[in-house]
Amino acid sequence: MTNTNEDPFCSHRWFTHFYVVSVLWNGFLLIWLFRAEFLGGSLPSWIQHMHHAPGRDSQSEDTGKYSIAGFYLQADSEHFSALLVLLLLWLHSCRRLAECLWTSVFSNGVIHIVQYCFGLGYYIAVGSTVLCQVPTDVRNGKELSVQICWYHIVGVTMYIWASLHQHRCLVILANLRKSKSGKVVSLSHSIPFGDWFETVSCPHYFAELLIYVSMAVTLGFHNVIWWCVVMCVLFNQALAAVLSHEFYQKNFSSYPKHRKAFIPFVF
């Protein structure tokens, strides 16, 4: 950690800690949810208490009064959606951790300690948010029936597509600082080309947004809480993209003028 103007800062390399925490915490939640869904376990009491706030338990009871069979089908779909999204979130964290460790080449830049602490808290909260979307006590001991819906297929397909492009863009950025043999030769910035870099300055940020949108799709489009998470990701990634775009324009006179900052052809 360094000290600039008496404010605490830490290295960009500490971004790796976010994904270490996410892999461990969300992996733990994933195991917990899997046990509850398929092995006859129950969700922890603190999760059940959190369900009382948004009123999911009362909604479950009211829905069950009208159509028991239809309610079980809907509940099974919600259970599977949450399990699938938590799995996607954990896989995303695993990939990003691997990229931080073996692909990315971080500069000597720093982030404020408040931003660092917020990042740690975010990756704990986002997995807990997924788990809180699971209806509690709706199966009454009955075995879960996996209900694969069309939006699960669309969401997972979109997730894979965005993840592949994000990885390609991160490899392009890393190769700018490496020799052909893979050795790091520079920590300076250069103009990236290839893949989505041809249209935007920060396609890896745009891909991050698409990944979270794909999870909203996987949850069935209607989950308001997760769309709030998507909006947070949108504002955070858009701000970072604009700052990076302005940096490129300021420091490289030959920077392509047709490139947008964040969303291809739009923004």
C-alpha atoms as a PDB file:
ATOM      1  CA  MET A   1       0.000   0.000   0.000  1.00  0.00           C
ATOM      2  CA  THR A   2       1.155   3.499  -0.757  1.00  0.00           C
ATOM      3  CA  ASN A   3       0.309   6.861   0.682  1.00  0.00           C
ATOM      4  CA  THR A   4      -0.644   9.753  -1.585  1.00  0.00           C
ATOM      5  CA  ASN A   5      -1.644  13.074  -0.017  1.00  0.00           C
ATOM      6  CA  GLU A   6      -2.092  11.227   3.286  1.00  0.00           C
ATOM      7  CA  ASP A   7      -4.928   9.146   1.786  1.00  0.00           C
ATOM      8  CA  PRO A   8      -4.631   5.326   1.846  1.00  0.00           C
ATOM      9  CA  PHE A   9      -4.309   3.677  -1.550  1.00  0.00           C
ATOM     10  CA  CYS A  10      -3.589   0.129  -2.660  1.00  0.00           C
ATOM     11  CA  SER A  11      -2.266  -1.441  -5.834  1.00  0.00           C
ATOM     12  CA  HIS A  12      -4.419  -2.393  -8.819  1.00  0.00           C
ATOM     13  CA  ARG A  13      -3.069  -5.891  -8.265  1.00  0.00           C
ATOM     14  CA  TRP A  14      -5.306  -6.109  -5.225  1.00  0.00           C
ATOM     15  CA  PHE A  15      -8.249  -6.549  -7.603  1.00  0.00           C
ATOM     16  CA  THR A  16      -7.319 -10.211  -7.365  1.00  0.00           C
ATOM     17  CA  HIS A  17      -8.597 -10.209  -3.776  1.00  0.00           C
ATOM     18  CA  PHE A  18     -12.122  -9.454  -5.012  1.00  0.00           C
ATOM     19  CA  TYR A  19     -12.254 -12.679  -6.973  1.00  0.00           C
ATOM     20  CA  VAL A  20     -10.618 -14.744  -4.243  1.00  0.00           C
ATOM     21  CA  VAL A  21     -13.382 -13.609  -1.875  1.00  0.00           C
ATOM     22  CA  SER A  22     -16.042 -14.179  -4.539  1.00  0.00           C
ATOM     23  CA  VAL A  23     -14.865 -17.698  -5.390  1.00  0.00           C
ATOM     24  CA  LEU A  24     -14.784 -18.714  -1.729  1.00  0.00           C
ATOM     25  CA  TRP A  25     -17.997 -17.025  -0.588  1.00  0.00           C
ATOM     26  CA  ASN A  26     -20.151 -17.728  -3.623  1.00  0.00           C
ATOM     27  CA  GLY A  27     -18.801 -21.270  -3.804  1.00  0.00           C
ATOM     28  CA  PHE A  28     -19.890 -21.712  -0.204  1.00  0.00           C
ATOM     29  CA  LEU A  29     -23.373 -20.348  -1.006  1.00  0.00           C
ATOM     30  CA  LEU A  30     -23.583 -22.545  -4.105  1.00  0.00           C
ATOM     31  CA  ILE A  31     -22.904 -25.681  -2.075  1.00  0.00           C
ATOM     32  CA  TRP A  32     -25.449 -24.570   0.525  1.00  0.00           C
ATOM     33  CA  LEU A  33     -28.118 -23.994  -2.107  1.00  0.00           C
ATOM     34  CA  PHE A  34     -27.355 -27.250  -3.923  1.00  0.00           C
ATOM     35  CA  ARG A  35     -27.765 -29.170  -0.668  1.00  0.00           C
ATOM     36  CA  ALA A  36     -31.070 -27.430   0.000  1.00  0.00           C
ATOM     37  CA  GLU A  37     -32.373 -28.126  -3.502  1.00  0.00           C
ATOM     38  CA  PHE A  38     -31.284 -31.707  -4.108  1.00  0.00           C
ATOM     39  CA  LEU A  39     -30.159 -33.275  -0.823  1.00  0.00           C
ATOM     40  CA  GLY A  40     -33.103 -32.413   1.403  1.00  0.00           C
ATOM     41  CA  GLY A  41     -31.310 -29.710   3.363  1.00  0.00           C
ATOM     42  CA  SER A  42     -32.717 -26.342   4.358  1.00  0.00           C
ATOM     43  CA  LEU A  43     -31.580 -22.800   3.775  1.00  0.00           C
ATOM     44  CA  PRO A  44     -29.772 -21.195   6.730  1.00  0.00           C
ATOM     45  CA  SER A  45     -31.901 -19.282   9.214  1.00  0.00           C
ATOM     46  CA  TRP A  46     -30.314 -15.920   8.368  1.00  0.00           C
ATOM     47  CA  ILE A  47     -31.404 -16.327   4.745  1.00  0.00           C
ATOM     48  CA  GLN A  48     -34.945 -17.200   5.839  1.00  0.00           C
ATOM     49  CA  HIS A  49     -35.036 -14.091   8.026  1.00  0.00           C
ATOM     50  CA  MET A  50     -33.959 -11.962   5.067  1.00  0.00           C
ATOM     51  CA  HIS A  51     -36.903 -13.342   3.077  1.00  0.00           C
ATOM     52  CA  HIS A  52     -39.352 -11.787   5.516  1.00  0.00           C
ATOM     53  CA  ALA A  53     -38.273  -8.266   4.515  1.00  0.00           C
ATOM     54  CA  PRO A  54     -39.341  -8.440   0.841  1.00  0.00           C
ATOM     55  CA  GLY A  55     -42.316 -10.590   1.811  1.00  0.00           C
ATOM     56  CA  ARG A  56     -41.446 -13.611  -0.316  1.00  0.00           C
ATOM     57  CA  ASP A  57     -42.847 -16.028   2.262  1.00  0.00           C
ATOM     58  CA  SER A  58     -46.251 -14.359   2.341  1.00  0.00           C
ATOM     59  CA  GLN A  59     -46.283 -14.202  -1.450  1.00  0.00           C
ATOM     60  CA  SER A  60     -45.570 -17.918  -1.574  1.00  0.00           C
ATOM     61  CA  GLU A  61     -48.464 -18.659   0.785  1.00  0.00           C
ATOM     62  CA  ASP A  62     -50.905 -16.491  -1.204  1.00  0.00           C
ATOM     63  CA  THR A  63     -49.871 -18.035  -4.496  1.00  0.00           C
ATOM     64  CA  GLY A  64     -50.260 -21.526  -3.113  1.00  0.00           C
ATOM     65  CA  LYS A  65     -53.921 -20.869  -2.249  1.00  0.00           C
ATOM     66  CA  TYR A  66     -54.852 -20.604  -5.918  1.00  0.00           C
ATOM     67  CA  SER A  67     -52.946 -23.309  -7.743  1.00  0.00           C
ATOM     68  CA  ILE A  68     -50.809 -25.836  -5.903  1.00  0.00           C
ATOM     69  CA  ALA A  69     -49.604 -27.598  -9.049  1.00  0.00           C
ATOM     70  CA  GLY A  70     -48.902 -24.375 -10.912  1.00  0.00           C
ATOM     71  CA  PHE A  71     -47.214 -22.914  -7.869  1.00  0.00           C
ATOM     72  CA  TYR A  72     -44.829 -25.866  -7.563  1.00  0.00           C
ATOM     73  CA  LEU A  73     -43.884 -25.518 -11.225  1.00  0.00           C
ATOM     74  CA  GLN A  74     -43.225 -21.800 -10.756  1.00  0.00           C
ATOM     75  CA  ALA A  75     -41.318 -22.428  -7.527  1.00  0.00           C
ATOM     76  CA  ASP A  76     -39.193 -25.130  -9.168  1.00  0.00           C
ATOM     77  CA  SER A  77     -38.367 -22.703 -11.971  1.00  0.00           C
ATOM     78  CA  GLU A  78     -37.380 -19.983  -9.468  1.00  0.00           C
ATOM     79  CA  HIS A  79     -35.260 -22.443  -7.492  1.00  0.00           C
ATOM     80  CA  PHE A  80     -33.440 -23.614 -10.599  1.00  0.00           C
ATOM     81  CA  SER A  81     -33.012 -20.045 -11.898  1.00  0.00           C
ATOM     82  CA  ALA A  82     -31.348 -18.950  -8.663  1.00  0.00           C
ATOM     83  CA  LEU A  83     -29.138 -22.047  -8.587  1.00  0.00           C
ATOM     84  CA  LEU A  84     -28.115 -21.490 -12.208  1.00  0.00           C
ATOM     85  CA  VAL A  85     -27.342 -17.787 -11.688  1.00  0.00           C
ATOM     86  CA  LEU A  86     -25.287 -18.521  -8.585  1.00  0.00           C
ATOM     87  CA  LEU A  87     -23.356 -21.130 -10.595  1.00  0.00           C
ATOM     88  CA  LEU A  88     -22.762 -18.611 -13.410  1.00  0.00           C
ATOM     89  CA  LEU A  89     -21.613 -15.991 -10.908  1.00  0.00           C
ATOM     90  CA  TRP A  90     -19.188 -18.460  -9.321  1.00  0.00           C
ATOM     91  CA  LEU A  91     -17.825 -19.553 -12.714  1.00  0.00           C
ATOM     92  CA  HIS A  92     -17.400 -15.892 -13.685  1.00  0.00           C
ATOM     93  CA  SER A  93     -15.418 -15.275 -10.497  1.00  0.00           C
ATOM     94  CA  CYS A  94     -13.257 -18.349 -11.122  1.00  0.00           C
ATOM     95  CA  ARG A  95     -12.439 -17.184 -14.642  1.00  0.00           C
ATOM     96  CA  ARG A  96     -11.673 -13.635 -13.551  1.00  0.00           C
ATOM     97  CA  LEU A  97      -9.450 -14.931 -10.753  1.00  0.00           C
ATOM     98  CA  ALA A  98      -7.538 -17.114 -13.217  1.00  0.00           C
ATOM     99  CA  GLU A  99      -7.157 -14.139 -15.578  1.00  0.00           C
ATOM    100  CA  CYS A 100      -5.867 -11.929 -12.763  1.00  0.00           C
ATOM    101  CA  LEU A 101      -3.314 -14.557 -11.784  1.00  0.00           C
ATOM    102  CA  TRP A 102      -2.110 -15.772 -15.185  1.00  0.00           C
ATOM    103  CA  THR A 103      -3.291 -13.421 -17.950  1.00  0.00           C
ATOM    104  CA  SER A 104      -3.582  -9.785 -16.957  1.00  0.00           C
ATOM    105  CA  VAL A 105      -0.567  -7.521 -16.514  1.00  0.00           C
ATOM    106  CA  PHE A 106      -1.427  -4.808 -14.012  1.00  0.00           C
ATOM    107  CA  SER A 107       0.082  -1.336 -14.190  1.00  0.00           C
ATOM    108  CA  ASN A 108       1.481   0.520 -11.193  1.00  0.00           C
ATOM    109  CA  GLY A 109      -1.830   2.325 -10.728  1.00  0.00           C
ATOM    110  CA  VAL A 110      -3.611   2.490  -7.397  1.00  0.00           C
ATOM    111  CA  ILE A 111      -7.165   2.462  -6.063  1.00  0.00           C
ATOM    112  CA  HIS A 112      -8.478   4.112  -2.926  1.00  0.00           C
ATOM    113  CA  ILE A 113      -8.906   1.889   0.098  1.00  0.00           C
ATOM    114  CA  VAL A 114     -12.621   2.828   0.238  1.00  0.00           C
ATOM    115  CA  GLN A 115     -13.081   1.537  -3.316  1.00  0.00           C
ATOM    116  CA  TYR A 116     -11.194  -1.617  -2.349  1.00  0.00           C
ATOM    117  CA  CYS A 117     -13.433  -2.250   0.681  1.00  0.00           C
ATOM    118  CA  PHE A 118     -16.539  -1.561  -1.406  1.00  0.00           C
ATOM    119  CA  GLY A 119     -15.381  -4.151  -3.942  1.00  0.00           C
ATOM    120  CA  LEU A 120     -14.936  -6.791  -1.254  1.00  0.00           C
ATOM    121  CA  GLY A 121     -18.369  -6.053   0.174  1.00  0.00           C
ATOM    122  CA  TYR A 122     -19.965  -6.070  -3.270  1.00  0.00           C
ATOM    123  CA  TYR A 123     -18.863  -9.599  -4.134  1.00  0.00           C
ATOM    124  CA  ILE A 124     -20.169 -10.847  -0.799  1.00  0.00           C
ATOM    125  CA  ALA A 125     -23.487  -9.036  -1.205  1.00  0.00           C
ATOM    126  CA  VAL A 126     -24.147 -10.022  -4.817  1.00  0.00           C
ATOM    127  CA  GLY A 127     -24.051 -13.758  -4.100  1.00  0.00           C
ATOM    128  CA  SER A 128     -26.252 -13.304  -1.038  1.00  0.00           C
ATOM    129  CA  THR A 129     -28.680 -11.358  -3.240  1.00  0.00           C
ATOM    130  CA  VAL A 130     -29.032 -14.359  -5.545  1.00  0.00           C
ATOM    131  CA  LEU A 131     -29.640 -16.700  -2.635  1.00  0.00           C
ATOM    132  CA  CYS A 132     -32.351 -14.404  -1.302  1.00  0.00           C
ATOM    133  CA  GLN A 133     -34.315 -14.867  -4.540  1.00  0.00           C
ATOM    134  CA  VAL A 134     -34.997 -18.485  -3.621  1.00  0.00           C
ATOM    135  CA  PRO A 135     -38.520 -19.101  -2.237  1.00  0.00           C
ATOM    136  CA  THR A 136     -38.307 -20.656   1.242  1.00  0.00           C
ATOM    137  CA  ASP A 137     -40.378 -23.536   2.579  1.00  0.00           C
ATOM    138  CA  VAL A 138     -42.338 -24.017  -0.644  1.00  0.00           C
ATOM    139  CA  ARG A 139     -41.551 -27.666  -1.366  1.00  0.00           C
ATOM    140  CA  ASN A 140     -42.819 -29.036   1.962  1.00  0.00           C
ATOM    141  CA  GLY A 141     -40.358 -31.871   1.786  1.00  0.00           C
ATOM    142  CA  LYS A 142     -41.064 -32.720  -1.855  1.00  0.00           C
ATOM    143  CA  GLU A 143     -38.193 -33.389  -4.211  1.00  0.00           C
ATOM    144  CA  LEU A 144     -37.214 -30.545  -6.549  1.00  0.00           C
ATOM    145  CA  SER A 145     -38.149 -31.009 -10.196  1.00  0.00           C
ATOM    146  CA  VAL A 146     -35.733 -29.191 -12.491  1.00  0.00           C
ATOM    147  CA  GLN A 147     -37.691 -26.910 -14.805  1.00  0.00           C
ATOM    148  CA  ILE A 148     -35.523 -25.673 -17.703  1.00  0.00           C
ATOM    149  CA  CYS A 149     -37.196 -22.723 -19.419  1.00  0.00           C
ATOM    150  CA  TRP A 150     -36.423 -20.892 -22.634  1.00  0.00           C
ATOM    151  CA  TYR A 151     -34.981 -17.914 -20.761  1.00  0.00           C
ATOM    152  CA  HIS A 152     -32.446 -20.202 -19.058  1.00  0.00           C
ATOM    153  CA  ILE A 153     -31.122 -21.205 -22.491  1.00  0.00           C
ATOM    154  CA  VAL A 154     -31.081 -17.604 -23.751  1.00  0.00           C
ATOM    155  CA  GLY A 155     -29.388 -16.351 -20.589  1.00  0.00           C
ATOM    156  CA  VAL A 156     -26.667 -19.012 -20.530  1.00  0.00           C
ATOM    157  CA  THR A 157     -25.982 -18.541 -24.256  1.00  0.00           C
ATOM    158  CA  MET A 158     -25.615 -14.790 -23.767  1.00  0.00           C
ATOM    159  CA  TYR A 159     -23.382 -15.404 -20.731  1.00  0.00           C
ATOM    160  CA  ILE A 160     -21.014 -17.663 -22.692  1.00  0.00           C
ATOM    161  CA  TRP A 161     -20.895 -15.230 -25.630  1.00  0.00           C
ATOM    162  CA  ALA A 162     -20.087 -12.218 -23.417  1.00  0.00           C
ATOM    163  CA  SER A 163     -17.552 -14.190 -21.358  1.00  0.00           C
ATOM    164  CA  LEU A 164     -15.654 -15.332 -24.445  1.00  0.00           C
ATOM    165  CA  HIS A 165     -15.395 -11.780 -25.758  1.00  0.00           C
ATOM    166  CA  GLN A 166     -14.336 -10.431 -22.366  1.00  0.00           C
ATOM    167  CA  HIS A 167     -11.569 -13.017 -22.146  1.00  0.00           C
ATOM    168  CA  ARG A 168     -10.363 -12.242 -25.675  1.00  0.00           C
ATOM    169  CA  CYS A 169     -10.239  -8.519 -24.892  1.00  0.00           C
ATOM    170  CA  LEU A 170      -8.327  -9.090 -21.663  1.00  0.00           C
ATOM    171  CA  VAL A 171      -5.814 -11.237 -23.552  1.00  0.00           C
ATOM    172  CA  ILE A 172      -5.388  -8.438 -26.113  1.00  0.00           C
ATOM    173  CA  LEU A 173      -4.696  -5.933 -23.333  1.00  0.00           C
ATOM    174  CA  ALA A 174      -2.232  -8.255 -21.625  1.00  0.00           C
ATOM    175  CA  ASN A 175      -0.349  -8.970 -24.866  1.00  0.00           C
ATOM    176  CA  LEU A 176       0.324  -5.256 -25.294  1.00  0.00           C
ATOM    177  CA  ARG A 177       2.691  -5.535 -22.334  1.00  0.00           C
ATOM    178  CA  LYS A 178       4.243  -8.872 -23.252  1.00  0.00           C
ATOM    179  CA  SER A 179       6.794 -10.057 -25.764  1.00  0.00           C
ATOM    180  CA  LYS A 180       5.987 -12.853 -28.227  1.00  0.00           C
ATOM    181  CA  SER A 181       7.475 -15.294 -25.734  1.00  0.00           C
ATOM    182  CA  GLY A 182       4.995 -14.170 -23.086  1.00  0.00           C
ATOM    183  CA  LYS A 183       7.448 -12.220 -20.940  1.00  0.00           C
ATOM    184  CA  VAL A 184       6.270  -8.913 -19.478  1.00  0.00           C
ATOM    185  CA  VAL A 185       8.335  -6.144 -21.089  1.00  0.00           C
ATOM    186  CA  SER A 186       6.345  -3.013 -20.244  1.00  0.00           C
ATOM    187  CA  LEU A 187       3.731  -1.626 -17.889  1.00  0.00           C
ATOM    188  CA  SER A 188       2.882   1.340 -20.105  1.00  0.00           C
ATOM    189  CA  HIS A 189      -0.366   1.840 -22.022  1.00  0.00           C
ATOM    190  CA  SER A 190      -0.775   1.244 -25.752  1.00  0.00           C
ATOM    191  CA  ILE A 191      -3.660   1.378 -28.194  1.00  0.00           C
ATOM    192  CA  PRO A 192      -5.425  -2.009 -28.355  1.00  0.00           C
ATOM    193  CA  PHE A 193      -6.824  -3.434 -31.590  1.00  0.00           C
ATOM    194  CA  GLY A 194      -8.901  -6.494 -32.400  1.00  0.00           C
ATOM    195  CA  ASP A 195     -12.233  -8.028 -31.389  1.00  0.00           C
ATOM    196  CA  TRP A 196     -14.601  -5.464 -29.801  1.00  0.00           C
ATOM    197  CA  PHE A 197     -11.747  -2.943 -29.450  1.00  0.00           C
ATOM    198  CA  GLU A 198     -12.485  -1.968 -33.036  1.00  0.00           C
ATOM    199  CA  THR A 199     -15.688  -0.233 -31.913  1.00  0.00           C
ATOM    200  CA  VAL A 200     -15.222   0.688 -28.219  1.00  0.00           C
ATOM    201  CA  SER A 201     -12.360   1.659 -25.934  1.00  0.00           C
ATOM    202  CA  CYS A 202     -13.390  -0.654 -23.088  1.00  0.00           C
ATOM    203  CA  PRO A 203     -15.143  -3.735 -24.475  1.00  0.00           C
ATOM    204  CA  HIS A 204     -14.226  -5.754 -21.377  1.00  0.00           C
ATOM    205  CA  TYR A 205     -16.389  -3.371 -19.320  1.00  0.00           C
ATOM    206  CA  PHE A 206     -19.226  -3.699 -21.818  1.00  0.00           C
ATOM    207  CA  ALA A 207     -18.897  -7.492 -21.665  1.00  0.00           C
ATOM    208  CA  GLU A 208     -19.108  -7.314 -17.860  1.00  0.00           C
ATOM    209  CA  LEU A 209     -22.431  -5.514 -18.186  1.00  0.00           C
ATOM    210  CA  LEU A 210     -23.696  -8.108 -20.672  1.00  0.00           C
ATOM    211  CA  ILE A 211     -22.745 -10.904 -18.275  1.00  0.00           C
ATOM    212  CA  TYR A 212     -24.913  -9.389 -15.550  1.00  0.00           C
ATOM    213  CA  VAL A 213     -27.732  -8.778 -18.023  1.00  0.00           C
ATOM    214  CA  SER A 214     -27.515 -12.447 -19.015  1.00  0.00           C
ATOM    215  CA  MET A 215     -28.052 -13.375 -15.366  1.00  0.00           C
ATOM    216  CA  ALA A 216     -31.132 -11.138 -15.262  1.00  0.00           C
ATOM    217  CA  VAL A 217     -32.416 -12.991 -18.307  1.00  0.00           C
ATOM    218  CA  THR A 218     -31.684 -16.321 -16.627  1.00  0.00           C
ATOM    219  CA  LEU A 219     -33.770 -15.216 -13.634  1.00  0.00           C
ATOM    220  CA  GLY A 220     -36.682 -14.699 -16.002  1.00  0.00           C
ATOM    221  CA  PHE A 221     -36.481 -10.956 -16.814  1.00  0.00           C
ATOM    222  CA  HIS A 222     -38.885  -9.995 -14.012  1.00  0.00           C
ATOM    223  CA  ASN A 223     -36.517  -9.952 -11.015  1.00  0.00           C
ATOM    224  CA  VAL A 224     -36.470  -6.275  -9.975  1.00  0.00           C
ATOM    225  CA  ILE A 225     -33.752  -6.723  -7.346  1.00  0.00           C
ATOM    226  CA  TRP A 226     -31.325  -8.214  -9.863  1.00  0.00           C
ATOM    227  CA  TRP A 227     -32.069  -5.439 -12.357  1.00  0.00           C
ATOM    228  CA  CYS A 228     -30.990  -3.024  -9.613  1.00  0.00           C
ATOM    229  CA  VAL A 229     -27.703  -4.936  -9.484  1.00  0.00           C
ATOM    230  CA  VAL A 230     -27.448  -4.571 -13.271  1.00  0.00           C
ATOM    231  CA  MET A 231     -27.968  -0.807 -12.972  1.00  0.00           C
ATOM    232  CA  CYS A 232     -25.166  -0.573 -10.398  1.00  0.00           C
ATOM    233  CA  VAL A 233     -22.867  -2.472 -12.759  1.00  0.00           C
ATOM    234  CA  LEU A 234     -23.947  -0.206 -15.636  1.00  0.00           C
ATOM    235  CA  PHE A 235     -23.077   3.030 -13.831  1.00  0.00           C
ATOM    236  CA  ASN A 236     -19.823   1.661 -12.417  1.00  0.00           C
ATOM    237  CA  GLN A 237     -18.559   0.211 -15.691  1.00  0.00           C
ATOM    238  CA  ALA A 238     -19.736   3.222 -17.728  1.00  0.00           C
ATOM    239  CA  LEU A 239     -17.840   5.632 -15.463  1.00  0.00           C
ATOM    240  CA  ALA A 240     -14.671   3.546 -15.671  1.00  0.00           C
ATOM    241  CA  ALA A 241     -15.039   3.298 -19.459  1.00  0.00           C
ATOM    242  CA  VAL A 242     -15.450   7.069 -19.894  1.00  0.00           C
ATOM    243  CA  LEU A 243     -12.351   7.761 -17.796  1.00  0.00           C
ATOM    244  CA  SER A 244     -10.332   5.230 -19.796  1.00  0.00           C
ATOM    245  CA  HIS A 245     -11.654   6.611 -23.092  1.00  0.00           C
ATOM    246  CA  GLU A 246     -10.642  10.140 -22.119  1.00  0.00           C
ATOM    247  CA  PHE A 247      -7.195   8.871 -21.117  1.00  0.00           C
ATOM    248  CA  TYR A 248      -6.671   7.265 -24.523  1.00  0.00           C
ATOM    249  CA  GLN A 249      -7.830  10.374 -26.360  1.00  0.00           C
ATOM    250  CA  LYS A 250      -5.610  12.627 -24.274  1.00  0.00           C
ATOM    251  CA  ASN A 251      -2.443  10.545 -24.517  1.00  0.00           C
ATOM    252  CA  PHE A 252      -2.645   9.163 -28.067  1.00  0.00           C
ATOM    253  CA  SER A 253      -3.111  11.655 -30.903  1.00  0.00           C
ATOM    254  CA  SER A 254      -3.634   8.811 -33.376  1.00  0.00           C
ATOM    255  CA  TYR A 255      -6.393   7.202 -31.326  1.00  0.00           C
ATOM    256  CA  PRO A 256      -9.286   6.045 -33.600  1.00  0.00           C
ATOM    257  CA  LYS A 257     -11.957   8.750 -33.563  1.00  0.00           C
ATOM    258  CA  HIS A 258     -14.806   6.383 -34.409  1.00  0.00           C
ATOM    259  CA  ARG A 259     -14.471   4.404 -31.192  1.00  0.00           C
ATOM    260  CA  LYS A 260     -17.074   4.894 -28.504  1.00  0.00           C
ATOM    261  CA  ALA A 261     -16.249   4.618 -24.830  1.00  0.00           C
ATOM    262  CA  PHE A 262     -18.530   1.846 -23.617  1.00  0.00           C
ATOM    263  CA  ILE A 263     -21.404   0.671 -25.844  1.00  0.00           C
ATOM    264  CA  PRO A 264     -20.649   0.035 -29.536  1.00  0.00           C
ATOM    265  CA  PHE A 265     -21.998   2.763 -31.854  1.00  0.00           C
ATOM    266  CA  VAL A 266     -23.969   4.330 -28.978  1.00  0.00           C
ATOM    267  CA  PHE A 267     -21.923   5.601 -26.025  1.00  0.00           C
END
